[in-house]
């Protein structure tokens, strides 16, 4: 079926997307729920191509695999685990069974404990929270706290992830140790970057009049290690191994978000995710938003061969969403072998990148519009902003968002470019100047539009993209829920640390690494 799709892509490569528009296309090539609309009409997908893509999903068994995931089957086959981050937001559903045991009582009990602790902290003298984590223990909550900043009525939240001492030094510099809570987020409580930063924060707090024994909490499954660190069990919140790090902010990893926006706001966030889960499980075919988001992405990456995908939120508070989605997609689907251990027959996931509009328009959009590579763009925008007295700002923001997708679609022909400068140039110079003003157009984009960025809506957006990654992984035949690619560098870094410190030789290292170590040691004297 891949060959059929690739042949179809070759056939329509020169077709103008604009020529596909008739009276019905805008509605036919969109998925709308009660809460948001996903528009993919500005792509070169026609009805026949869509049917083939849907058939591809059917043949891969997406629906069956989806049902198995929600039922608690061990779809993470390389690690022998269920994949049940969805259970963390299953507020109104029934039992979720893993190995014959309903996990929901423990999930809800942990949520209740988190809420009780959050209310205690929010009612205390704590003014600032420092969340120390990395990867999924950082990117998700950091993104969500920023996204929902209009709803913050609790302590200020700060995030430390990089082991570079500059990160923790800059965060702690202006904080009061007596009124700061530190959350250490590490499932195993052994992550070297996180624990290095945690020990530095503990020393800072002790040296500046705080009480580490009372002002530290842990998000971890290792009560033995957290106790050894000095954190009592009542301030330790764990989660099971069927919750992967990059899918974990629905539970204890989201504690910083709960502290910022309160338990009610956090539950609204969970309900948004639950709403998208229900839609994903119930909607059929082209009416299923996560399925269509995935299939559009696979048409562009695996079929058309476009190597990157730009995520462009027209919302300043979603500034960290591209980085969050970068990990979600690239760590999940950045694989080269299938479940059977054999090489993939098609490319795996794209490079995901982006930044908020309108900043990007004055930076990398030049490449998107006139560069030699086609970069599919995913725009997202809210109908309403939070600053009612600045409505004209939001209107201008939306106008820019819509205009960029229209510009990618329409482009500007050479004749149109000539007319732009015909009053200033003539002859050969007119042709030269006009050529610089041509936009190829016919470049694909999608748009996700929703009423307002509130906790419920953010929950829907994150769950939407999680399920998109799932669908892509099933169709590719890979395991989206392991991440062996992060292991080798960590192992080598551990071995290299004594070499860097000068307590072990660089024996056995390649010539480049040895030369770098030599330069380092000479520079340090």
Protein backbone atom coordinates (compact mmCIF):
# COMPACT_ATOMS: atom_id res chain seq x y z
CA UNK A 1 0.00 0.00 0.00
CA UNK A 2 2.96 2.32 0.55
CA UNK A 3 3.83 1.89 -3.14
CA UNK A 4 0.27 2.80 -4.13
CA UNK A 5 0.40 5.94 -2.02
CA UNK A 6 3.82 6.95 -3.33
CA UNK A 7 2.64 6.48 -6.90
CA UNK A 8 -0.36 8.65 -6.11
CA UNK A 9 1.89 11.33 -4.61
CA UNK A 10 4.00 11.36 -7.78
CA UNK A 11 0.87 11.75 -9.91
CA UNK A 12 -0.41 14.78 -8.01
CA UNK A 13 2.92 16.41 -7.15
CA UNK A 14 2.38 19.26 -9.61
CA UNK A 15 -1.34 19.63 -8.95
CA UNK A 16 -2.39 22.95 -7.45
CA UNK A 17 -3.98 22.41 -4.06
CA UNK A 18 -6.11 25.46 -4.78
CA UNK A 19 -7.70 23.60 -7.71
CA UNK A 20 -9.11 21.04 -5.28
CA UNK A 21 -11.33 23.63 -3.65
CA UNK A 22 -15.00 23.40 -4.45
CA UNK A 23 -18.02 24.42 -2.40
CA UNK A 24 -17.62 21.46 -0.06
CA UNK A 25 -13.88 20.93 0.38
CA UNK A 26 -13.42 23.14 3.43
CA UNK A 27 -15.93 21.07 5.41
CA UNK A 28 -15.16 17.71 3.82
CA UNK A 29 -11.47 18.00 4.68
CA UNK A 30 -11.84 19.05 8.28
CA UNK A 31 -12.71 17.26 11.50
CA UNK A 32 -14.82 19.20 13.96
CA UNK A 33 -15.80 18.16 17.45
CA UNK A 34 -17.86 20.08 19.97
CA UNK A 35 -14.66 21.76 21.15
CA UNK A 36 -12.25 22.31 18.24
CA UNK A 37 -11.74 22.10 14.49
CA UNK A 38 -8.86 20.50 12.58
CA UNK A 39 -8.60 21.81 9.01
CA UNK A 40 -6.47 19.90 6.51
CA UNK A 41 -8.09 21.24 3.32
CA UNK A 42 -4.87 23.08 2.42
CA UNK A 43 -3.05 19.81 1.64
CA UNK A 44 -2.84 17.83 -1.59
CA UNK A 45 -4.96 15.04 -0.13
CA UNK A 46 -8.10 14.29 -2.16
CA UNK A 47 -10.95 11.92 -1.42
CA UNK A 48 -9.28 8.93 -3.10
CA UNK A 49 -5.99 9.49 -1.28
CA UNK A 50 -7.82 9.79 2.02
CA UNK A 51 -9.58 6.49 1.44
CA UNK A 52 -6.24 4.80 0.77
CA UNK A 53 -4.74 6.31 3.91
CA UNK A 54 -7.71 5.11 5.94
CA UNK A 55 -7.32 1.67 4.41
CA UNK A 56 -3.66 1.74 5.46
CA UNK A 57 -4.74 2.39 9.04
CA UNK A 58 -7.30 -0.40 8.87
CA UNK A 59 -4.77 -2.86 7.51
CA UNK A 60 -2.34 -1.94 10.31
CA UNK A 61 -5.05 -2.68 12.89
CA UNK A 62 -5.08 0.78 14.46
CA UNK A 63 -8.53 0.33 16.00
CA UNK A 64 -7.67 -3.06 17.46
CA UNK A 65 -4.37 -1.82 18.82
CA UNK A 66 -6.11 1.23 20.30
CA UNK A 67 -8.63 -0.95 22.08
CA UNK A 68 -5.81 -3.15 23.39
CA UNK A 69 -4.00 -0.10 24.76
CA UNK A 70 -7.04 1.18 26.62
CA UNK A 71 -7.71 -2.34 27.93
CA UNK A 72 -4.28 -2.55 29.55
CA UNK A 73 -2.60 -4.98 27.16
CA UNK A 74 1.20 -4.99 27.08
CA UNK A 75 1.57 -3.10 23.82
CA UNK A 76 5.05 -1.92 24.89
CA UNK A 77 6.39 -5.26 23.77
CA UNK A 78 10.13 -4.64 24.10
CA UNK A 79 9.72 -3.84 27.80
CA UNK A 80 6.72 -6.05 28.53
CA UNK A 81 4.53 -3.22 29.80
CA UNK A 82 1.05 -1.83 29.38
CA UNK A 83 0.71 1.75 28.09
CA UNK A 84 -1.86 3.44 30.30
CA UNK A 85 -1.22 7.13 30.72
CA UNK A 86 -4.86 7.36 29.64
CA UNK A 87 -5.84 5.80 32.99
CA UNK A 88 -4.47 8.86 34.79
CA UNK A 89 -7.22 10.96 33.21
CA UNK A 90 -9.96 8.33 33.38
CA UNK A 91 -11.99 10.33 35.89
CA UNK A 92 -15.42 9.15 34.81
CA UNK A 93 -14.66 5.80 33.19
CA UNK A 94 -14.86 2.29 34.53
CA UNK A 95 -12.18 -0.12 35.70
CA UNK A 96 -8.87 -0.39 33.87
CA UNK A 97 -7.31 -3.81 34.26
CA UNK A 98 -3.60 -4.63 34.25
CA UNK A 99 -2.69 -8.27 34.86
CA UNK A 100 -6.16 -8.85 36.25
CA UNK A 101 -6.03 -5.94 38.73
CA UNK A 102 -8.08 -2.75 38.44
CA UNK A 103 -5.55 0.09 38.61
CA UNK A 104 -8.12 2.88 38.95
CA UNK A 105 -8.50 2.83 42.77
CA UNK A 106 -4.77 3.48 43.17
CA UNK A 107 -4.77 6.12 40.41
CA UNK A 108 -7.61 8.02 42.05
CA UNK A 109 -6.10 7.62 45.51
CA UNK A 110 -2.84 9.16 44.28
CA UNK A 111 -4.78 12.01 42.70
CA UNK A 112 -6.56 12.59 46.02
CA UNK A 113 -3.21 12.65 47.85
CA UNK A 114 -1.81 15.12 45.33
CA UNK A 115 -4.83 17.37 45.76
CA UNK A 116 -4.60 17.32 49.54
CA UNK A 117 -0.91 18.16 49.39
CA UNK A 118 -1.49 20.89 46.82
CA UNK A 119 -4.13 22.53 49.00
CA UNK A 120 -1.76 22.39 51.96
CA UNK A 121 1.07 24.01 50.02
CA UNK A 122 -1.16 26.62 48.40
CA UNK A 123 -2.43 27.62 51.85
CA UNK A 124 1.10 27.84 53.28
CA UNK A 125 3.82 30.48 53.11
CA UNK A 126 5.35 28.85 50.02
CA UNK A 127 5.72 31.45 47.26
CA UNK A 128 7.85 29.53 44.74
CA UNK A 129 8.14 25.96 43.51
CA UNK A 130 11.23 24.57 41.76
CA UNK A 131 10.58 21.43 39.74
CA UNK A 132 13.80 19.52 39.10
CA UNK A 133 13.53 16.91 36.36
CA UNK A 134 14.58 16.27 32.78
CA UNK A 135 12.87 15.09 29.61
CA UNK A 136 9.30 14.04 30.35
CA UNK A 137 9.68 15.13 33.97
CA UNK A 138 10.34 18.67 32.81
CA UNK A 139 9.08 19.43 29.30
CA UNK A 140 5.43 18.61 29.97
CA UNK A 141 4.82 20.50 33.21
CA UNK A 142 7.03 23.42 32.13
CA UNK A 143 5.03 23.76 28.92
CA UNK A 144 1.67 23.42 30.68
CA UNK A 145 2.45 25.89 33.47
CA UNK A 146 3.39 28.51 30.90
CA UNK A 147 0.40 27.71 28.69
CA UNK A 148 -2.05 28.08 31.58
CA UNK A 149 -0.42 31.07 33.27
CA UNK A 150 -3.68 33.11 33.14
CA UNK A 151 -5.13 30.52 35.52
CA UNK A 152 -2.26 30.56 38.02
CA UNK A 153 -3.46 31.52 41.49
CA UNK A 154 -0.85 29.54 43.43
CA UNK A 155 2.92 29.74 43.87
CA UNK A 156 5.24 30.69 41.03
CA UNK A 157 6.72 27.64 39.34
CA UNK A 158 10.27 27.35 38.02
CA UNK A 159 11.87 24.47 36.17
CA UNK A 160 15.43 23.13 36.23
CA UNK A 161 16.52 20.36 33.87
CA UNK A 162 19.97 21.00 32.41
CA UNK A 163 22.91 19.67 34.41
CA UNK A 164 24.76 22.81 33.33
CA UNK A 165 25.22 24.64 36.64
CA UNK A 166 24.08 27.85 34.99
CA UNK A 167 20.51 26.57 34.89
CA UNK A 168 20.03 25.90 38.59
CA UNK A 169 22.14 28.91 39.57
CA UNK A 170 19.99 31.26 37.52
CA UNK A 171 16.74 29.80 38.87
CA UNK A 172 17.75 29.84 42.54
CA UNK A 173 19.50 33.20 42.51
CA UNK A 174 16.44 35.36 43.21
CA UNK A 175 14.43 32.92 45.31
CA UNK A 176 13.93 32.92 49.08
CA UNK A 177 15.00 29.54 50.46
CA UNK A 178 12.57 29.91 53.37
CA UNK A 179 9.53 30.09 51.07
CA UNK A 180 10.58 27.72 48.28
CA UNK A 181 9.38 24.16 47.74
CA UNK A 182 11.61 21.85 45.66
CA UNK A 183 10.06 18.96 43.75
CA UNK A 184 12.48 16.27 42.58
CA UNK A 185 10.97 14.40 39.64
CA UNK A 186 12.70 11.12 38.82
CA UNK A 187 10.87 7.81 38.65
CA UNK A 188 13.92 5.80 39.75
CA UNK A 189 15.52 8.65 41.74
CA UNK A 190 18.78 7.84 39.98
CA UNK A 191 18.69 10.13 36.92
CA UNK A 192 22.14 11.68 37.11
CA UNK A 193 21.24 15.16 35.87
CA UNK A 194 18.21 15.39 38.13
CA UNK A 195 19.95 14.08 41.24
CA UNK A 196 22.96 16.34 40.70
CA UNK A 197 20.65 19.35 40.56
CA UNK A 198 18.64 18.06 43.53
CA UNK A 199 21.71 17.82 45.73
CA UNK A 200 22.74 21.34 44.72
CA UNK A 201 19.25 22.64 45.59
CA UNK A 202 19.31 20.87 48.96
CA UNK A 203 22.67 22.43 49.82
CA UNK A 204 21.43 25.87 48.70
CA UNK A 205 18.33 25.58 50.86
CA UNK A 206 20.28 24.49 53.94
CA UNK A 207 22.81 27.29 53.44
CA UNK A 208 20.16 29.99 53.03
CA UNK A 209 17.88 29.32 55.99
CA UNK A 210 15.40 26.89 54.47
CA UNK A 211 14.46 23.46 55.81
CA UNK A 212 15.15 20.67 53.29
CA UNK A 213 13.46 18.16 55.59
CA UNK A 214 10.16 20.02 55.20
CA UNK A 215 10.53 21.76 51.84
CA UNK A 216 11.29 18.87 49.47
CA UNK A 217 8.82 16.55 47.71
CA UNK A 218 9.53 13.70 45.32
CA UNK A 219 7.80 12.29 42.26
CA UNK A 220 9.26 8.81 42.27
CA UNK A 221 8.54 5.11 42.71
CA UNK A 222 11.60 4.54 44.93
CA UNK A 223 10.62 5.21 48.54
CA UNK A 224 13.92 3.73 49.69
CA UNK A 225 15.99 6.24 47.73
CA UNK A 226 13.69 9.18 48.49
CA UNK A 227 13.86 8.34 52.21
CA UNK A 228 17.65 8.19 52.04
CA UNK A 229 17.57 11.64 50.47
CA UNK A 230 15.49 12.90 53.39
CA UNK A 231 12.00 13.03 51.89
CA UNK A 232 9.31 11.28 53.99
CA UNK A 233 6.77 8.98 52.28
CA UNK A 234 3.85 11.39 52.74
CA UNK A 235 5.61 13.74 50.32
CA UNK A 236 6.47 11.07 47.76
CA UNK A 237 4.08 10.53 44.86
CA UNK A 238 4.74 7.53 42.64
CA UNK A 239 3.44 6.20 39.34
CA UNK A 240 3.60 2.81 37.69
CA UNK A 241 5.89 1.62 34.93
CA UNK A 242 2.97 1.66 32.50
CA UNK A 243 3.26 5.47 32.45
CA UNK A 244 6.14 6.58 30.24
CA UNK A 245 8.04 9.74 31.11
CA UNK A 246 6.90 11.79 28.12
CA UNK A 247 3.29 10.79 28.84
CA UNK A 248 3.42 11.38 32.57
CA UNK A 249 2.21 14.89 33.37
CA UNK A 250 -1.35 13.62 33.80
CA UNK A 251 -0.26 12.17 37.15
CA UNK A 252 2.30 13.06 39.82
CA UNK A 253 4.67 14.66 37.29
CA UNK A 254 1.93 17.28 36.90
CA UNK A 255 2.14 18.28 40.59
CA UNK A 256 3.77 21.62 39.76
CA UNK A 257 0.89 22.40 37.40
CA UNK A 258 -1.62 21.48 40.10
CA UNK A 259 0.17 23.76 42.58
CA UNK A 260 0.05 26.60 40.04
CA UNK A 261 -3.58 26.36 38.86
CA UNK A 262 -5.16 24.43 41.74
CA UNK A 263 -6.76 20.98 41.96
CA UNK A 264 -9.93 22.09 40.16
CA UNK A 265 -7.95 23.49 37.25
CA UNK A 266 -5.86 20.33 37.09
CA UNK A 267 -9.00 18.17 37.00
CA UNK A 268 -10.29 20.29 34.11
CA UNK A 269 -7.01 19.56 32.32
CA UNK A 270 -7.54 15.83 32.95
CA UNK A 271 -11.11 16.01 31.71
CA UNK A 272 -9.92 17.61 28.48
CA UNK A 273 -7.61 14.66 27.91
CA UNK A 274 -10.40 12.26 28.79
CA UNK A 275 -12.71 13.97 26.28
CA UNK A 276 -10.17 13.42 23.49
CA UNK A 277 -9.76 9.79 24.59
CA UNK A 278 -13.49 9.26 24.23
CA UNK A 279 -13.52 10.90 20.81
CA UNK A 280 -10.55 8.79 19.67
CA UNK A 281 -12.27 5.58 20.76
CA UNK A 282 -15.70 6.43 19.34
CA UNK A 283 -15.27 8.43 16.11
CA UNK A 284 -15.11 6.51 12.86
CA UNK A 285 -12.73 6.95 9.96
CA UNK A 286 -12.42 10.48 8.62
CA UNK A 287 -14.36 11.84 11.61
CA UNK A 288 -11.61 10.78 14.01
CA UNK A 289 -9.35 13.76 14.72
CA UNK A 290 -6.23 11.99 16.04
CA UNK A 291 -6.45 9.46 13.21
CA UNK A 292 -6.66 12.15 10.53
CA UNK A 293 -3.93 14.26 12.14
CA UNK A 294 -1.69 11.18 11.99
CA UNK A 295 -2.61 10.23 8.43
CA UNK A 296 -2.02 13.75 7.13
CA UNK A 297 1.38 13.73 8.82
CA UNK A 298 2.23 10.32 7.33
CA UNK A 299 1.17 11.44 3.85
CA UNK A 300 3.66 14.27 4.14
CA UNK A 301 6.53 12.35 5.79
CA UNK A 302 6.40 8.72 4.71
CA UNK A 303 4.70 9.21 1.34
CA UNK A 304 5.79 12.62 0.04
CA UNK A 305 9.16 12.46 1.78
CA UNK A 306 9.05 15.83 3.55
CA UNK A 307 11.64 15.43 6.28
CA UNK A 308 10.51 18.04 8.80
CA UNK A 309 7.29 19.35 10.32
CA UNK A 310 6.85 22.85 11.72
CA UNK A 311 4.49 23.31 14.67
CA UNK A 312 3.42 26.95 14.76
CA UNK A 313 1.18 27.96 17.68
CA UNK A 314 -0.17 31.47 17.36
CA UNK A 315 -0.19 31.81 21.12
CA UNK A 316 2.75 33.21 23.05
CA UNK A 317 1.92 31.01 26.03
CA UNK A 318 2.34 27.90 23.90
CA UNK A 319 5.95 28.88 23.33
CA UNK A 320 7.23 25.60 24.78
CA UNK A 321 4.74 23.37 22.95
CA UNK A 322 7.01 22.69 19.93
CA UNK A 323 9.79 21.47 22.24
CA UNK A 324 7.30 19.29 24.14
CA UNK A 325 5.95 17.79 20.90
CA UNK A 326 9.52 17.36 19.68
CA UNK A 327 10.18 14.92 22.50
CA UNK A 328 6.74 13.33 22.27
CA UNK A 329 7.14 12.48 18.60
CA UNK A 330 10.88 12.12 18.07
CA UNK A 331 11.57 10.04 21.18
CA UNK A 332 8.50 7.92 20.52
CA UNK A 333 8.78 7.32 16.78
CA UNK A 334 12.44 7.98 16.08
CA UNK A 335 13.08 4.30 15.40
CA UNK A 336 14.68 2.35 12.55
CA UNK A 337 13.39 -1.17 13.25
CA UNK A 338 9.91 -2.56 13.68
CA UNK A 339 8.46 -4.68 16.44
CA UNK A 340 10.01 -7.71 14.75
CA UNK A 341 13.50 -6.20 14.94
CA UNK A 342 13.71 -5.83 11.16
CA UNK A 343 14.58 -2.55 9.38
CA UNK A 344 11.65 -0.31 8.48
CA UNK A 345 10.62 -0.22 4.85
CA UNK A 346 9.75 3.49 5.03
CA UNK A 347 11.09 6.50 6.89
CA UNK A 348 10.20 6.88 10.54
CA UNK A 349 9.11 10.12 12.21
CA UNK A 350 9.95 13.62 10.97
CA UNK A 351 12.08 16.28 12.59
CA UNK A 352 9.59 18.32 14.63
CA UNK A 353 10.37 21.96 15.33
CA UNK A 354 8.72 25.36 15.56
CA UNK A 355 8.10 28.53 17.53
CA UNK A 356 5.20 30.83 18.27
CA UNK A 357 3.80 33.12 15.61
CA UNK A 358 4.25 35.92 14.86
CA UNK A 359 7.89 35.77 15.94
CA UNK A 360 8.68 33.01 13.48
CA UNK A 361 7.41 35.12 10.60
CA UNK A 362 10.41 37.38 11.09
CA UNK A 363 12.84 34.46 11.42
CA UNK A 364 12.43 31.10 9.68
CA UNK A 365 9.23 31.63 7.64
CA UNK A 366 11.46 32.91 4.83
CA UNK A 367 12.75 29.36 4.41
CA UNK A 368 9.25 27.91 4.64
CA UNK A 369 7.90 30.19 1.91
CA UNK A 370 10.83 30.43 -0.52
CA UNK A 371 13.32 27.74 0.44
CA UNK A 372 13.97 24.71 -1.71
CA UNK A 373 12.49 22.20 0.77
CA UNK A 374 8.78 21.74 1.40
CA UNK A 375 8.03 22.00 5.12
CA UNK A 376 4.46 21.06 6.10
CA UNK A 377 3.18 23.51 8.70
CA UNK A 378 0.76 22.91 11.55
CA UNK A 379 -0.84 26.15 12.69
CA UNK A 380 -2.90 26.42 15.86
CA UNK A 381 -4.80 29.37 17.24
CA UNK A 382 -7.56 30.24 19.73
CA UNK A 383 -10.64 32.22 18.76
CA UNK A 384 -10.29 34.28 21.93
CA UNK A 385 -7.35 35.48 23.95
CA UNK A 386 -7.30 36.14 27.68
CA UNK A 387 -6.62 39.87 27.43
CA UNK A 388 -10.09 41.25 26.71
CA UNK A 389 -8.82 44.83 26.67
CA UNK A 390 -6.30 43.88 23.96
CA UNK A 391 -8.76 42.33 21.51
CA UNK A 392 -7.16 44.20 18.62
CA UNK A 393 -3.90 42.37 19.35
CA UNK A 394 -5.63 39.01 19.12
CA UNK A 395 -7.44 39.97 15.93
CA UNK A 396 -4.11 40.86 14.35
CA UNK A 397 -2.63 37.58 15.62
CA UNK A 398 -5.42 35.53 14.02
CA UNK A 399 -5.17 37.52 10.79
CA UNK A 400 -1.47 36.66 10.61
CA UNK A 401 -2.14 32.99 11.29
CA UNK A 402 -4.77 32.71 8.57
CA UNK A 403 -2.68 34.79 6.17
CA UNK A 404 0.37 32.54 6.50
CA UNK A 405 -1.56 29.40 5.62
CA UNK A 406 -3.19 31.24 2.71
CA UNK A 407 0.20 32.48 1.48
CA UNK A 408 1.62 28.94 1.60
CA UNK A 409 -1.38 27.76 -0.41
CA UNK A 410 -1.57 30.51 -3.04
CA UNK A 411 1.99 31.66 -3.47
CA UNK A 412 2.79 34.46 -5.91
CA UNK A 413 3.38 33.88 -9.62
CA UNK A 414 6.07 35.54 -11.74
CA UNK A 415 3.42 37.67 -13.47
CA UNK A 416 2.12 38.86 -10.09
CA UNK A 417 5.65 39.56 -8.94
CA UNK A 418 6.33 41.60 -12.10
CA UNK A 419 3.27 43.72 -11.48
CA UNK A 420 4.54 44.49 -7.98
CA UNK A 421 7.70 46.18 -9.27
CA UNK A 422 6.84 47.17 -12.86
CA UNK A 423 6.71 50.85 -11.84
CA UNK A 424 10.29 50.70 -10.53
CA UNK A 425 12.19 48.51 -13.01
CA UNK A 426 12.16 47.45 -16.64
CA UNK A 427 13.80 45.01 -18.99
CA UNK A 428 16.28 42.50 -17.58
CA UNK A 429 16.34 44.23 -14.21
CA UNK A 430 12.57 43.88 -13.96
CA UNK A 431 12.89 40.13 -14.54
CA UNK A 432 15.65 39.82 -11.97
CA UNK A 433 13.79 41.75 -9.33
CA UNK A 434 10.52 39.93 -10.01
CA UNK A 435 12.20 36.54 -9.62
CA UNK A 436 13.14 37.39 -6.04
CA UNK A 437 9.49 38.09 -5.23
CA UNK A 438 8.05 34.80 -6.49
CA UNK A 439 6.48 32.41 -3.95
CA UNK A 440 6.10 28.87 -5.21
CA UNK A 441 2.99 28.32 -3.11
CA UNK A 442 1.24 24.96 -3.19
CA UNK A 443 2.86 24.20 0.17
CA UNK A 444 0.73 22.20 2.62
CA UNK A 445 -0.50 23.30 6.00
CA UNK A 446 -3.11 22.37 8.57
CA UNK A 447 -4.84 24.51 11.19
CA UNK A 448 -6.17 23.54 14.62
CA UNK A 449 -8.56 26.18 15.95
CA UNK A 450 -10.34 26.15 19.31
CA UNK A 451 -12.37 28.60 21.41
CA UNK A 452 -9.82 29.53 24.11
CA UNK A 453 -6.67 28.08 25.65
CA UNK A 454 -7.97 26.94 29.04
CA UNK A 455 -7.07 23.82 31.07
CA UNK A 456 -9.73 21.69 29.39
CA UNK A 457 -8.59 22.72 25.91
CA UNK A 458 -4.91 22.15 26.67
CA UNK A 459 -5.77 18.67 27.90
CA UNK A 460 -7.50 17.96 24.59
CA UNK A 461 -4.57 19.25 22.55
CA UNK A 462 -1.99 17.16 24.40
CA UNK A 463 -4.11 13.99 24.22
CA UNK A 464 -4.73 14.67 20.51
CA UNK A 465 -1.01 14.69 19.79
CA UNK A 466 -0.37 11.67 22.02
CA UNK A 467 -2.88 9.65 20.02
CA UNK A 468 -1.41 10.94 16.77
CA UNK A 469 1.95 9.48 17.82
CA UNK A 470 0.23 6.20 18.71
CA UNK A 471 -1.46 5.92 15.30
CA UNK A 472 1.75 6.68 13.44
CA UNK A 473 3.61 4.08 15.49
CA UNK A 474 1.02 1.38 14.83
CA UNK A 475 1.06 2.02 11.08
CA UNK A 476 4.86 1.99 11.01
CA UNK A 477 4.87 -1.21 13.07
CA UNK A 478 7.19 0.21 15.73
CA UNK A 479 7.09 0.49 19.51
CA UNK A 480 6.39 4.13 20.33
CA UNK A 481 6.83 3.56 24.07
CA UNK A 482 10.47 2.62 24.53
CA UNK A 483 13.49 4.87 24.01
CA UNK A 484 16.64 2.82 23.78
CA UNK A 485 18.23 5.58 21.74
CA UNK A 486 18.88 7.63 24.88
CA UNK A 487 20.85 4.88 26.59
CA UNK A 488 24.20 4.78 24.77
CA UNK A 489 25.06 8.43 25.29
CA UNK A 490 24.19 8.14 29.01
CA UNK A 491 26.41 5.09 29.41
CA UNK A 492 29.33 6.76 27.64
CA UNK A 493 28.89 9.96 29.68
CA UNK A 494 29.13 7.98 32.91
CA UNK A 495 32.33 6.35 31.69
CA UNK A 496 33.76 9.66 30.49
CA UNK A 497 33.16 11.61 33.69
CA UNK A 498 36.34 10.39 35.45
CA UNK A 499 38.28 10.99 32.23
CA UNK A 500 37.02 14.58 32.14
CA UNK A 501 37.83 14.99 35.84
CA UNK A 502 41.36 13.76 35.19
CA UNK A 503 41.16 10.71 37.45
CA UNK A 504 41.18 8.16 34.61
CA UNK A 505 42.99 7.98 31.25
CA UNK A 506 41.26 8.34 27.89
CA UNK A 507 42.59 4.94 26.87
CA UNK A 508 40.49 3.28 24.20
CA UNK A 509 38.73 6.47 23.14
CA UNK A 510 38.80 7.57 19.53
CA UNK A 511 41.39 10.12 18.44
CA UNK A 512 38.90 12.99 18.32
CA UNK A 513 37.66 12.38 21.86
CA UNK A 514 41.21 12.03 23.16
CA UNK A 515 42.19 15.31 21.51
CA UNK A 516 39.21 17.08 23.06
CA UNK A 517 40.09 15.71 26.51
CA UNK A 518 43.71 16.79 26.03
CA UNK A 519 42.62 20.31 25.07
CA UNK A 520 40.33 20.47 28.11
CA UNK A 521 43.05 19.41 30.52
CA UNK A 522 45.64 21.77 29.00
CA UNK A 523 43.18 24.65 29.22
CA UNK A 524 42.46 23.85 32.87
CA UNK A 525 46.15 23.59 33.61
